[in-house]
Amino acid sequence: MSTYVGLDVSQKETEICVVDVEGRRIWRGKCRTEPNSIAVALREHAGGAVRIGMETGPLSIWLWRELRALGLKVDCIHARRVAAALSLQVNKTDANDAHGIAQVVRSGWYRAVAVKSLASCRIRAILTARGQLVSIRTTLSNQIRGLLKTFGVVLAPGKGGTFDKMVLSRCPEDALVRSAIEALLCAWRVAGERQRALDAQLIRIARASEVCHRMTSVPGVGAITALTFATTIDDPKRFGRSTDVGAYLGLTPRRYQSGEVDIAGRISKSGDRAARSLLFEAANTLLTRAKKDSDLRQWGLALMIRIGAKKAKVAVARKLAVILHCIWTDGTAFEGAR
């Protein structure tokens, strides 16, 4: 008998619901959130499962990979789509959520999320750690500046060694205040050391990658941006057109159309935030600090005059995403320099 399964995953237990082709519930239960435990339960109660669905979450990549290795046809469904489908439920429980996911899977009214490869996840772990260290360092430096202002010390703009020397030279002589500032400054230094170590590791990985090496031929695109883009896309073949990459990364405008109303809004900002942010920074570098001129830069500068700097940088970021995907799939390098 053909069945459809919904999994509502939590850290300790996973709620399971099995329905038939007409949506009638056949079995409902729970097990530990471990691939083997879930596989045993599914083989016992849903041996003829046509599709198995679960929503995206912290454990979904691991569970998807392990359950697929055990021969189970598992699909990951975007959490926003699941939330929209479950929004009409009167009572929100794990059991009801699993039943709702099973009905979504049975209807087929969803698009399975592409799960990243293990190689991409390993590099993303380093990129994520680096991003956290950058954020921690920024927070600590702002905290130091804020504390010093309490005692009338306003530091001039500066970073790295300049910031370190300014803090030490202008910190009040009060022992309590100095101990607090030195504790924060020590943490700031350690975060910087660990960030630089990860930067060096990421640069080595990018240099060893032929694809990333070609991507860095684009003005404004460095090793971190190339690696972030490559691990976000993971498989370039899943995009039929390079122009679809811009929409995937949330760099295209939202649209609301109903009857005679047709409104183009701000960019959707869907997809990976880190990749979108780094592409915007690359666009800013290309337009404001690039030493070599190119057709892409001239196009962006013309846009800045016509629609403003911020919108022009978003447009260039979207164009960069398309170019990077073309470089990846065509096996070419950037040739737009004048």
C-alpha atoms as a PDB file:
ATOM      1  CA  MET A   1       0.000   0.000   0.000  1.00  0.00           C
ATOM      2  CA  SER A   2       1.305   3.451  -0.933  1.00  0.00           C
ATOM      3  CA  THR A   3       1.834   5.682   2.077  1.00  0.00           C
ATOM      4  CA  TYR A   4       3.145   9.175   2.801  1.00  0.00           C
ATOM      5  CA  VAL A   5       5.065  10.152   5.923  1.00  0.00           C
ATOM      6  CA  GLY A   6       5.518  13.398   7.822  1.00  0.00           C
ATOM      7  CA  LEU A   7       8.354  13.864  10.331  1.00  0.00           C
ATOM      8  CA  ASP A   8       8.272  16.629  12.932  1.00  0.00           C
ATOM      9  CA  VAL A   9      11.827  16.718  14.250  1.00  0.00           C
ATOM     10  CA  SER A  10      12.877  18.030  17.653  1.00  0.00           C
ATOM     11  CA  GLN A  11      16.166  17.618  19.481  1.00  0.00           C
ATOM     12  CA  LYS A  12      15.202  14.554  21.521  1.00  0.00           C
ATOM     13  CA  GLU A  13      12.195  12.988  19.805  1.00  0.00           C
ATOM     14  CA  THR A  14      10.677  12.905  16.322  1.00  0.00           C
ATOM     15  CA  GLU A  15       6.921  12.722  15.821  1.00  0.00           C
ATOM     16  CA  ILE A  16       5.904  10.488  12.898  1.00  0.00           C
ATOM     17  CA  CYS A  17       2.604  10.408  11.026  1.00  0.00           C
ATOM     18  CA  VAL A  18       1.748   7.997   8.205  1.00  0.00           C
ATOM     19  CA  VAL A  19      -1.216   8.595   5.865  1.00  0.00           C
ATOM     20  CA  ASP A  20      -2.570   6.716   2.835  1.00  0.00           C
ATOM     21  CA  VAL A  21      -3.267   8.041  -0.675  1.00  0.00           C
ATOM     22  CA  GLU A  22      -6.621   9.489   0.455  1.00  0.00           C
ATOM     23  CA  GLY A  23      -5.111  11.277   3.465  1.00  0.00           C
ATOM     24  CA  ARG A  24      -6.432   8.902   6.140  1.00  0.00           C
ATOM     25  CA  ARG A  25      -4.073   8.453   9.058  1.00  0.00           C
ATOM     26  CA  ILE A  26      -2.679   4.935   9.288  1.00  0.00           C
ATOM     27  CA  TRP A  27      -0.236   5.286  12.158  1.00  0.00           C
ATOM     28  CA  ARG A  28       1.081   7.943  14.489  1.00  0.00           C
ATOM     29  CA  GLY A  29       3.923   7.648  16.966  1.00  0.00           C
ATOM     30  CA  LYS A  30       7.283   8.968  18.036  1.00  0.00           C
ATOM     31  CA  CYS A  31      10.855   7.785  18.394  1.00  0.00           C
ATOM     32  CA  ARG A  32      14.270   9.128  19.313  1.00  0.00           C
ATOM     33  CA  THR A  33      15.770  11.644  16.907  1.00  0.00           C
ATOM     34  CA  GLU A  34      18.346   9.232  15.542  1.00  0.00           C
ATOM     35  CA  PRO A  35      18.488   7.976  11.947  1.00  0.00           C
ATOM     36  CA  ASN A  36      18.440   4.294  12.890  1.00  0.00           C
ATOM     37  CA  SER A  37      15.479   4.702  15.258  1.00  0.00           C
ATOM     38  CA  ILE A  38      13.508   6.632  12.628  1.00  0.00           C
ATOM     39  CA  ALA A  39      14.383   4.061   9.946  1.00  0.00           C
ATOM     40  CA  VAL A  40      13.195   1.168  12.131  1.00  0.00           C
ATOM     41  CA  ALA A  41       9.881   2.920  12.851  1.00  0.00           C
ATOM     42  CA  LEU A  42       9.314   3.737   9.172  1.00  0.00           C
ATOM     43  CA  ARG A  43      10.111   0.229   7.959  1.00  0.00           C
ATOM     44  CA  GLU A  44       7.711  -1.214  10.516  1.00  0.00           C
ATOM     45  CA  HIS A  45       4.793   1.152   9.971  1.00  0.00           C
ATOM     46  CA  ALA A  46       5.387   2.693   6.494  1.00  0.00           C
ATOM     47  CA  GLY A  47       7.108   0.035   4.444  1.00  0.00           C
ATOM     48  CA  GLY A  48       5.525   1.254   1.199  1.00  0.00           C
ATOM     49  CA  ALA A  49       6.283   4.942   1.721  1.00  0.00           C
ATOM     50  CA  VAL A  50       6.209   6.839  -1.579  1.00  0.00           C
ATOM     51  CA  ARG A  51       7.590  10.029  -0.059  1.00  0.00           C
ATOM     52  CA  ILE A  52       8.820  11.092   3.375  1.00  0.00           C
ATOM     53  CA  GLY A  53       8.944  14.756   4.288  1.00  0.00           C
ATOM     54  CA  MET A  54      10.436  16.910   7.031  1.00  0.00           C
ATOM     55  CA  GLU A  55      10.889  20.643   7.331  1.00  0.00           C
ATOM     56  CA  THR A  56      14.253  22.369   7.251  1.00  0.00           C
ATOM     57  CA  GLY A  57      15.929  22.889  10.608  1.00  0.00           C
ATOM     58  CA  PRO A  58      19.211  22.520  12.534  1.00  0.00           C
ATOM     59  CA  LEU A  59      19.187  18.708  12.321  1.00  0.00           C
ATOM     60  CA  SER A  60      17.673  18.346   8.859  1.00  0.00           C
ATOM     61  CA  ILE A  61      20.953  18.156   6.884  1.00  0.00           C
ATOM     62  CA  TRP A  62      22.328  15.394   9.114  1.00  0.00           C
ATOM     63  CA  LEU A  63      19.070  13.433   9.199  1.00  0.00           C
ATOM     64  CA  TRP A  64      18.485  13.799   5.448  1.00  0.00           C
ATOM     65  CA  ARG A  65      21.954  12.504   4.639  1.00  0.00           C
ATOM     66  CA  GLU A  66      21.775   9.561   7.058  1.00  0.00           C
ATOM     67  CA  LEU A  67      18.221   8.531   6.135  1.00  0.00           C
ATOM     68  CA  ARG A  68      19.041   8.703   2.423  1.00  0.00           C
ATOM     69  CA  ALA A  69      22.053   6.478   3.080  1.00  0.00           C
ATOM     70  CA  LEU A  70      19.659   3.988   4.691  1.00  0.00           C
ATOM     71  CA  GLY A  71      17.591   3.907   1.493  1.00  0.00           C
ATOM     72  CA  LEU A  72      14.674   6.116   2.577  1.00  0.00           C
ATOM     73  CA  LYS A  73      13.151   8.638   0.131  1.00  0.00           C
ATOM     74  CA  VAL A  74      13.292  11.718   2.330  1.00  0.00           C
ATOM     75  CA  ASP A  75      12.579  15.257   1.118  1.00  0.00           C
ATOM     76  CA  CYS A  76      13.395  18.463   2.976  1.00  0.00           C
ATOM     77  CA  ILE A  77      10.635  21.073   2.721  1.00  0.00           C
ATOM     78  CA  HIS A  78      11.270  24.758   3.374  1.00  0.00           C
ATOM     79  CA  ALA A  79      10.043  25.712   6.854  1.00  0.00           C
ATOM     80  CA  ARG A  80       8.156  28.726   5.451  1.00  0.00           C
ATOM     81  CA  ARG A  81       6.110  26.510   3.146  1.00  0.00           C
ATOM     82  CA  VAL A  82       5.346  24.131   5.996  1.00  0.00           C
ATOM     83  CA  ALA A  83       4.347  27.020   8.269  1.00  0.00           C
ATOM     84  CA  ALA A  84       1.984  28.347   5.601  1.00  0.00           C
ATOM     85  CA  ALA A  85       0.383  24.929   5.198  1.00  0.00           C
ATOM     86  CA  LEU A  86       0.000  24.450   8.954  1.00  0.00           C
ATOM     87  CA  SER A  87      -1.265  27.962   9.716  1.00  0.00           C
ATOM     88  CA  LEU A  88      -4.915  26.875   9.470  1.00  0.00           C
ATOM     89  CA  GLN A  89      -4.580  24.338  12.281  1.00  0.00           C
ATOM     90  CA  VAL A  90      -6.548  25.220  15.406  1.00  0.00           C
ATOM     91  CA  ASN A  91      -4.213  23.379  17.770  1.00  0.00           C
ATOM     92  CA  LYS A  92      -0.460  23.518  17.370  1.00  0.00           C
ATOM     93  CA  THR A  93       1.145  20.267  18.570  1.00  0.00           C
ATOM     94  CA  ASP A  94       4.034  18.133  17.340  1.00  0.00           C
ATOM     95  CA  ALA A  95       1.610  15.358  16.417  1.00  0.00           C
ATOM     96  CA  ASN A  96      -0.584  17.752  14.415  1.00  0.00           C
ATOM     97  CA  ASP A  97       2.490  19.206  12.722  1.00  0.00           C
ATOM     98  CA  ALA A  98       3.644  15.736  11.643  1.00  0.00           C
ATOM     99  CA  HIS A  99       0.153  15.032  10.293  1.00  0.00           C
ATOM    100  CA  GLY A 100       0.162  18.338   8.404  1.00  0.00           C
ATOM    101  CA  ILE A 101       3.590  17.619   6.879  1.00  0.00           C
ATOM    102  CA  ALA A 102       2.347  14.183   5.797  1.00  0.00           C
ATOM    103  CA  GLN A 103      -0.594  15.819   4.015  1.00  0.00           C
ATOM    104  CA  VAL A 104       1.731  18.300   2.287  1.00  0.00           C
ATOM    105  CA  VAL A 105       3.912  15.406   1.126  1.00  0.00           C
ATOM    106  CA  ARG A 106       0.849  13.490  -0.099  1.00  0.00           C
ATOM    107  CA  SER A 107      -0.409  16.462  -2.106  1.00  0.00           C
ATOM    108  CA  GLY A 108       2.993  17.023  -3.712  1.00  0.00           C
ATOM    109  CA  TRP A 109       2.408  20.772  -3.443  1.00  0.00           C
ATOM    110  CA  TYR A 110       5.976  21.588  -2.475  1.00  0.00           C
ATOM    111  CA  ARG A 111       9.476  21.826  -3.891  1.00  0.00           C
ATOM    112  CA  ALA A 112      12.151  19.791  -2.155  1.00  0.00           C
ATOM    113  CA  VAL A 113      15.021  21.866  -0.780  1.00  0.00           C
ATOM    114  CA  ALA A 114      18.451  21.055  -2.217  1.00  0.00           C
ATOM    115  CA  VAL A 115      20.593  19.803   0.674  1.00  0.00           C
ATOM    116  CA  LYS A 116      24.226  20.864   0.596  1.00  0.00           C
ATOM    117  CA  SER A 117      27.019  18.344   0.161  1.00  0.00           C
ATOM    118  CA  LEU A 118      29.246  17.355   3.056  1.00  0.00           C
ATOM    119  CA  ALA A 119      32.225  19.139   1.444  1.00  0.00           C
ATOM    120  CA  SER A 120      30.279  22.418   1.308  1.00  0.00           C
ATOM    121  CA  CYS A 121      29.075  21.997   4.896  1.00  0.00           C
ATOM    122  CA  ARG A 122      32.666  21.562   6.096  1.00  0.00           C
ATOM    123  CA  ILE A 123      33.774  24.807   4.448  1.00  0.00           C
ATOM    124  CA  ARG A 124      30.609  26.584   5.614  1.00  0.00           C
ATOM    125  CA  ALA A 125      31.527  25.641   9.185  1.00  0.00           C
ATOM    126  CA  ILE A 126      34.798  27.592   8.836  1.00  0.00           C
ATOM    127  CA  LEU A 127      33.036  30.520   7.143  1.00  0.00           C
ATOM    128  CA  THR A 128      30.400  30.629   9.879  1.00  0.00           C
ATOM    129  CA  ALA A 129      33.042  30.539  12.623  1.00  0.00           C
ATOM    130  CA  ARG A 130      34.925  33.359  10.911  1.00  0.00           C
ATOM    131  CA  GLY A 131      31.740  35.405  10.614  1.00  0.00           C
ATOM    132  CA  GLN A 132      31.048  34.970  14.325  1.00  0.00           C
ATOM    133  CA  LEU A 133      34.573  36.066  15.219  1.00  0.00           C
ATOM    134  CA  VAL A 134      34.209  39.192  13.045  1.00  0.00           C
ATOM    135  CA  SER A 135      30.928  39.984  14.790  1.00  0.00           C
ATOM    136  CA  ILE A 136      32.396  39.364  18.257  1.00  0.00           C
ATOM    137  CA  ARG A 137      35.373  41.588  17.478  1.00  0.00           C
ATOM    138  CA  THR A 138      33.131  44.400  16.263  1.00  0.00           C
ATOM    139  CA  THR A 139      30.937  44.104  19.361  1.00  0.00           C
ATOM    140  CA  LEU A 140      33.951  44.171  21.695  1.00  0.00           C
ATOM    141  CA  SER A 141      35.475  47.229  20.020  1.00  0.00           C
ATOM    142  CA  ASN A 142      32.153  49.075  20.235  1.00  0.00           C
ATOM    143  CA  GLN A 143      31.831  48.070  23.888  1.00  0.00           C
ATOM    144  CA  ILE A 144      35.311  49.409  24.634  1.00  0.00           C
ATOM    145  CA  ARG A 145      34.541  52.689  22.894  1.00  0.00           C
ATOM    146  CA  GLY A 146      31.251  52.976  24.787  1.00  0.00           C
ATOM    147  CA  LEU A 147      32.821  52.361  28.206  1.00  0.00           C
ATOM    148  CA  LEU A 148      35.591  54.881  27.588  1.00  0.00           C
ATOM    149  CA  LYS A 149      33.043  57.559  26.632  1.00  0.00           C
ATOM    150  CA  THR A 150      31.632  57.261  30.165  1.00  0.00           C
ATOM    151  CA  PHE A 151      34.937  58.675  31.407  1.00  0.00           C
ATOM    152  CA  GLY A 152      35.254  61.350  28.736  1.00  0.00           C
ATOM    153  CA  VAL A 153      37.509  59.432  26.366  1.00  0.00           C
ATOM    154  CA  VAL A 154      36.369  59.540  22.739  1.00  0.00           C
ATOM    155  CA  LEU A 155      38.534  57.408  20.464  1.00  0.00           C
ATOM    156  CA  ALA A 156      39.193  58.442  16.875  1.00  0.00           C
ATOM    157  CA  PRO A 157      38.273  56.049  14.056  1.00  0.00           C
ATOM    158  CA  GLY A 158      40.756  53.222  13.728  1.00  0.00           C
ATOM    159  CA  LYS A 159      41.100  49.460  13.753  1.00  0.00           C
ATOM    160  CA  GLY A 160      43.701  46.755  14.237  1.00  0.00           C
ATOM    161  CA  GLY A 161      46.958  47.897  15.825  1.00  0.00           C
ATOM    162  CA  THR A 162      45.884  51.550  15.700  1.00  0.00           C
ATOM    163  CA  PHE A 163      42.823  50.816  17.835  1.00  0.00           C
ATOM    164  CA  ASP A 164      44.881  48.751  20.286  1.00  0.00           C
ATOM    165  CA  LYS A 165      47.426  51.553  20.820  1.00  0.00           C
ATOM    166  CA  MET A 166      44.720  54.219  21.181  1.00  0.00           C
ATOM    167  CA  VAL A 167      42.918  52.239  23.879  1.00  0.00           C
ATOM    168  CA  LEU A 168      46.095  51.623  25.897  1.00  0.00           C
ATOM    169  CA  SER A 169      47.335  55.213  25.619  1.00  0.00           C
ATOM    170  CA  ARG A 170      44.014  56.903  26.469  1.00  0.00           C
ATOM    171  CA  CYS A 171      42.562  54.490  29.000  1.00  0.00           C
ATOM    172  CA  PRO A 172      42.032  56.146  32.443  1.00  0.00           C
ATOM    173  CA  GLU A 173      44.507  55.277  35.198  1.00  0.00           C
ATOM    174  CA  ASP A 174      41.706  54.104  37.500  1.00  0.00           C
ATOM    175  CA  ALA A 175      42.512  50.463  38.377  1.00  0.00           C
ATOM    176  CA  LEU A 176      38.915  49.216  38.161  1.00  0.00           C
ATOM    177  CA  VAL A 177      38.250  50.891  34.832  1.00  0.00           C
ATOM    178  CA  ARG A 178      41.577  49.738  33.415  1.00  0.00           C
ATOM    179  CA  SER A 179      40.955  46.115  34.442  1.00  0.00           C
ATOM    180  CA  ALA A 180      37.583  46.126  32.660  1.00  0.00           C
ATOM    181  CA  ILE A 181      39.016  47.671  29.488  1.00  0.00           C
ATOM    182  CA  GLU A 182      42.028  45.335  29.439  1.00  0.00           C
ATOM    183  CA  ALA A 183      39.767  42.275  29.816  1.00  0.00           C
ATOM    184  CA  LEU A 184      37.714  43.344  26.795  1.00  0.00           C
ATOM    185  CA  LEU A 185      40.831  44.296  24.840  1.00  0.00           C
ATOM    186  CA  CYS A 186      42.404  40.897  25.545  1.00  0.00           C
ATOM    187  CA  ALA A 187      39.279  39.131  24.237  1.00  0.00           C
ATOM    188  CA  TRP A 188      39.322  41.439  21.187  1.00  0.00           C
ATOM    189  CA  ARG A 189      42.939  40.466  20.450  1.00  0.00           C
ATOM    190  CA  VAL A 190      42.255  36.746  20.789  1.00  0.00           C
ATOM    191  CA  ALA A 191      39.227  36.987  18.481  1.00  0.00           C
ATOM    192  CA  GLY A 192      41.410  38.811  15.951  1.00  0.00           C
ATOM    193  CA  GLU A 193      44.127  36.150  16.117  1.00  0.00           C
ATOM    194  CA  ARG A 194      41.628  33.337  15.596  1.00  0.00           C
ATOM    195  CA  GLN A 195      39.972  35.244  12.734  1.00  0.00           C
ATOM    196  CA  ARG A 196      43.301  35.726  10.965  1.00  0.00           C
ATOM    197  CA  ALA A 197      44.071  32.006  11.369  1.00  0.00           C
ATOM    198  CA  LEU A 198      40.740  31.089   9.765  1.00  0.00           C
ATOM    199  CA  ASP A 199      41.305  33.667   7.023  1.00  0.00           C
ATOM    200  CA  ALA A 200      44.618  32.017   6.166  1.00  0.00           C
ATOM    201  CA  GLN A 201      42.967  28.591   6.114  1.00  0.00           C
ATOM    202  CA  LEU A 202      40.166  29.805   3.833  1.00  0.00           C
ATOM    203  CA  ILE A 203      42.664  31.435   1.457  1.00  0.00           C
ATOM    204  CA  ARG A 204      44.537  28.131   1.184  1.00  0.00           C
ATOM    205  CA  ILE A 205      41.285  26.310   0.407  1.00  0.00           C
ATOM    206  CA  ALA A 206      40.341  28.889  -2.238  1.00  0.00           C
ATOM    207  CA  ARG A 207      43.759  28.697  -3.900  1.00  0.00           C
ATOM    208  CA  ALA A 208      43.473  24.911  -4.065  1.00  0.00           C
ATOM    209  CA  SER A 209      40.083  25.191  -5.795  1.00  0.00           C
ATOM    210  CA  GLU A 210      40.258  25.765  -9.548  1.00  0.00           C
ATOM    211  CA  VAL A 211      36.692  27.154  -9.570  1.00  0.00           C
ATOM    212  CA  CYS A 212      37.351  29.667  -6.784  1.00  0.00           C
ATOM    213  CA  HIS A 213      40.609  30.686  -8.441  1.00  0.00           C
ATOM    214  CA  ARG A 214      38.685  31.606 -11.608  1.00  0.00           C
ATOM    215  CA  MET A 215      36.007  33.418  -9.605  1.00  0.00           C
ATOM    216  CA  THR A 216      38.617  35.669  -7.994  1.00  0.00           C
ATOM    217  CA  SER A 217      39.506  36.954 -11.463  1.00  0.00           C
ATOM    218  CA  VAL A 218      36.363  39.109 -11.179  1.00  0.00           C
ATOM    219  CA  PRO A 219      37.234  42.586  -9.766  1.00  0.00           C
ATOM    220  CA  GLY A 220      36.062  42.947  -6.164  1.00  0.00           C
ATOM    221  CA  VAL A 221      35.688  39.202  -5.577  1.00  0.00           C
ATOM    222  CA  GLY A 222      38.155  37.730  -3.097  1.00  0.00           C
ATOM    223  CA  ALA A 223      38.728  34.280  -1.639  1.00  0.00           C
ATOM    224  CA  ILE A 224      36.080  34.620   1.098  1.00  0.00           C
ATOM    225  CA  THR A 225      33.410  35.813  -1.353  1.00  0.00           C
ATOM    226  CA  ALA A 226      34.250  33.072  -3.867  1.00  0.00           C
ATOM    227  CA  LEU A 227      34.105  30.329  -1.233  1.00  0.00           C
ATOM    228  CA  THR A 228      30.863  31.667   0.244  1.00  0.00           C
ATOM    229  CA  PHE A 229      29.235  31.813  -3.193  1.00  0.00           C
ATOM    230  CA  ALA A 230      30.462  28.331  -4.157  1.00  0.00           C
ATOM    231  CA  THR A 231      29.255  26.709  -0.935  1.00  0.00           C
ATOM    232  CA  THR A 232      25.909  28.517  -1.135  1.00  0.00           C
ATOM    233  CA  ILE A 233      25.192  27.318  -4.672  1.00  0.00           C
ATOM    234  CA  ASP A 234      26.904  23.942  -4.073  1.00  0.00           C
ATOM    235  CA  ASP A 235      25.733  22.440  -7.379  1.00  0.00           C
ATOM    236  CA  PRO A 236      25.626  24.897 -10.319  1.00  0.00           C
ATOM    237  CA  LYS A 237      23.672  22.445 -12.490  1.00  0.00           C
ATOM    238  CA  ARG A 238      20.504  22.892 -10.439  1.00  0.00           C
ATOM    239  CA  PHE A 239      20.043  26.308 -12.059  1.00  0.00           C
ATOM    240  CA  GLY A 240      18.823  26.085 -15.641  1.00  0.00           C
ATOM    241  CA  ARG A 241      19.763  29.733 -16.249  1.00  0.00           C
ATOM    242  CA  SER A 242      22.481  31.805 -14.634  1.00  0.00           C
ATOM    243  CA  THR A 243      20.003  34.672 -14.237  1.00  0.00           C
ATOM    244  CA  ASP A 244      18.056  32.547 -11.725  1.00  0.00           C
ATOM    245  CA  VAL A 245      20.938  32.806  -9.231  1.00  0.00           C
ATOM    246  CA  GLY A 246      20.150  36.454  -8.479  1.00  0.00           C
ATOM    247  CA  ALA A 247      16.594  35.567  -7.442  1.00  0.00           C
ATOM    248  CA  TYR A 248      17.838  32.595  -5.403  1.00  0.00           C
ATOM    249  CA  LEU A 249      20.102  34.915  -3.396  1.00  0.00           C
ATOM    250  CA  GLY A 250      17.321  37.455  -2.810  1.00  0.00           C
ATOM    251  CA  LEU A 251      18.758  40.154  -5.087  1.00  0.00           C
ATOM    252  CA  THR A 252      15.646  40.637  -7.239  1.00  0.00           C
ATOM    253  CA  PRO A 253      12.650  42.886  -6.398  1.00  0.00           C
ATOM    254  CA  ARG A 254       9.498  41.528  -4.816  1.00  0.00           C
ATOM    255  CA  ARG A 255       6.384  41.816  -6.960  1.00  0.00           C
ATOM    256  CA  TYR A 256       2.741  42.292  -6.023  1.00  0.00           C
ATOM    257  CA  GLN A 257       0.270  42.039  -8.905  1.00  0.00           C
ATOM    258  CA  SER A 258      -3.496  41.886  -8.626  1.00  0.00           C
ATOM    259  CA  GLY A 259      -5.871  43.144 -11.303  1.00  0.00           C
ATOM    260  CA  GLU A 260      -4.647  46.535 -12.453  1.00  0.00           C
ATOM    261  CA  VAL A 261      -2.198  46.843  -9.563  1.00  0.00           C
ATOM    262  CA  ASP A 262       1.389  45.845 -10.341  1.00  0.00           C
ATOM    263  CA  ILE A 263       3.992  46.925  -7.780  1.00  0.00           C
ATOM    264  CA  ALA A 264       7.716  46.130  -7.806  1.00  0.00           C
ATOM    265  CA  GLY A 265       9.046  46.408  -4.275  1.00  0.00           C
ATOM    266  CA  ARG A 266      12.415  46.130  -2.588  1.00  0.00           C
ATOM    267  CA  ILE A 267      14.643  43.097  -3.074  1.00  0.00           C
ATOM    268  CA  SER A 268      13.276  39.918  -1.498  1.00  0.00           C
ATOM    269  CA  LYS A 269      16.381  39.188   0.665  1.00  0.00           C
ATOM    270  CA  SER A 270      15.588  35.493   0.496  1.00  0.00           C
ATOM    271  CA  GLY A 271      18.319  32.886   0.437  1.00  0.00           C
ATOM    272  CA  ASP A 272      21.730  33.068   2.061  1.00  0.00           C
ATOM    273  CA  ARG A 273      22.365  36.348   3.875  1.00  0.00           C
ATOM    274  CA  ALA A 274      26.164  35.953   3.990  1.00  0.00           C
ATOM    275  CA  ALA A 275      26.469  35.418   0.228  1.00  0.00           C
ATOM    276  CA  ARG A 276      24.162  38.364  -0.488  1.00  0.00           C
ATOM    277  CA  SER A 277      26.112  40.641   1.869  1.00  0.00           C
ATOM    278  CA  LEU A 278      29.508  39.675   0.450  1.00  0.00           C
ATOM    279  CA  LEU A 279      28.305  40.181  -3.132  1.00  0.00           C
ATOM    280  CA  PHE A 280      27.104  43.661  -2.149  1.00  0.00           C
ATOM    281  CA  GLU A 281      30.531  44.390  -0.620  1.00  0.00           C
ATOM    282  CA  ALA A 282      32.198  43.099  -3.790  1.00  0.00           C
ATOM    283  CA  ALA A 283      29.993  45.430  -5.853  1.00  0.00           C
ATOM    284  CA  ASN A 284      30.945  48.343  -3.614  1.00  0.00           C
ATOM    285  CA  THR A 285      34.643  47.506  -4.033  1.00  0.00           C
ATOM    286  CA  LEU A 286      34.260  47.217  -7.794  1.00  0.00           C
ATOM    287  CA  LEU A 287      32.553  50.610  -8.092  1.00  0.00           C
ATOM    288  CA  THR A 288      34.574  52.610  -5.578  1.00  0.00           C
ATOM    289  CA  ARG A 289      38.019  51.063  -5.169  1.00  0.00           C
ATOM    290  CA  ALA A 290      38.818  48.896  -8.203  1.00  0.00           C
ATOM    291  CA  LYS A 291      42.051  49.961  -9.923  1.00  0.00           C
ATOM    292  CA  LYS A 292      41.278  48.337 -13.284  1.00  0.00           C
ATOM    293  CA  ASP A 293      38.392  49.600 -15.372  1.00  0.00           C
ATOM    294  CA  SER A 294      35.890  47.196 -16.964  1.00  0.00           C
ATOM    295  CA  ASP A 295      32.616  47.195 -18.847  1.00  0.00           C
ATOM    296  CA  LEU A 296      30.899  45.972 -15.680  1.00  0.00           C
ATOM    297  CA  ARG A 297      32.273  48.883 -13.664  1.00  0.00           C
ATOM    298  CA  GLN A 298      31.254  51.416 -16.309  1.00  0.00           C
ATOM    299  CA  TRP A 299      27.761  49.908 -16.377  1.00  0.00           C
ATOM    300  CA  GLY A 300      27.536  50.215 -12.589  1.00  0.00           C
ATOM    301  CA  LEU A 301      28.807  53.805 -12.559  1.00  0.00           C
ATOM    302  CA  ALA A 302      26.206  54.764 -15.172  1.00  0.00           C
ATOM    303  CA  LEU A 303      23.525  53.200 -12.982  1.00  0.00           C
ATOM    304  CA  MET A 304      24.745  55.177  -9.952  1.00  0.00           C
ATOM    305  CA  ILE A 305      24.093  58.429 -11.815  1.00  0.00           C
ATOM    306  CA  ARG A 306      20.659  57.297 -12.962  1.00  0.00           C
ATOM    307  CA  ILE A 307      19.177  55.457  -9.929  1.00  0.00           C
ATOM    308  CA  GLY A 308      21.508  56.196  -6.999  1.00  0.00           C
ATOM    309  CA  ALA A 309      24.469  54.453  -5.395  1.00  0.00           C
ATOM    310  CA  LYS A 310      22.656  51.889  -3.236  1.00  0.00           C
ATOM    311  CA  LYS A 311      20.360  50.556  -5.960  1.00  0.00           C
ATOM    312  CA  ALA A 312      23.254  50.490  -8.411  1.00  0.00           C
ATOM    313  CA  LYS A 313      25.345  48.397  -6.013  1.00  0.00           C
ATOM    314  CA  VAL A 314      22.479  45.928  -5.601  1.00  0.00           C
ATOM    315  CA  ALA A 315      22.176  45.673  -9.392  1.00  0.00           C
ATOM    316  CA  VAL A 316      25.924  45.084  -9.722  1.00  0.00           C
ATOM    317  CA  ALA A 317      25.792  42.479  -6.942  1.00  0.00           C
ATOM    318  CA  ARG A 318      23.060  40.667  -8.866  1.00  0.00           C
ATOM    319  CA  LYS A 319      25.153  40.891 -12.041  1.00  0.00           C
ATOM    320  CA  LEU A 320      28.167  39.515 -10.148  1.00  0.00           C
ATOM    321  CA  ALA A 321      26.120  36.500  -9.029  1.00  0.00           C
ATOM    322  CA  VAL A 322      25.199  35.791 -12.664  1.00  0.00           C
ATOM    323  CA  ILE A 323      28.809  36.231 -13.829  1.00  0.00           C
ATOM    324  CA  LEU A 324      30.200  33.947 -11.100  1.00  0.00           C
ATOM    325  CA  HIS A 325      27.724  31.224 -12.040  1.00  0.00           C
ATOM    326  CA  CYS A 326      28.641  31.569 -15.732  1.00  0.00           C
ATOM    327  CA  ILE A 327      32.341  31.351 -14.873  1.00  0.00           C
ATOM    328  CA  TRP A 328      31.647  28.220 -12.840  1.00  0.00           C
ATOM    329  CA  THR A 329      29.639  26.440 -15.530  1.00  0.00           C
ATOM    330  CA  ASP A 330      31.603  27.602 -18.598  1.00  0.00           C
ATOM    331  CA  GLY A 331      35.074  26.993 -17.211  1.00  0.00           C
ATOM    332  CA  THR A 332      36.169  30.510 -18.155  1.00  0.00           C
ATOM    333  CA  ALA A 333      37.622  33.497 -16.308  1.00  0.00           C
ATOM    334  CA  PHE A 334      36.520  37.135 -16.185  1.00  0.00           C
ATOM    335  CA  GLU A 335      37.479  39.018 -19.356  1.00  0.00           C
ATOM    336  CA  GLY A 336      35.718  42.341 -18.885  1.00  0.00           C
ATOM    337  CA  ALA A 337      38.782  44.493 -18.221  1.00  0.00           C
ATOM    338  CA  ARG A 338      39.274  47.452 -20.554  1.00  0.00           C
END
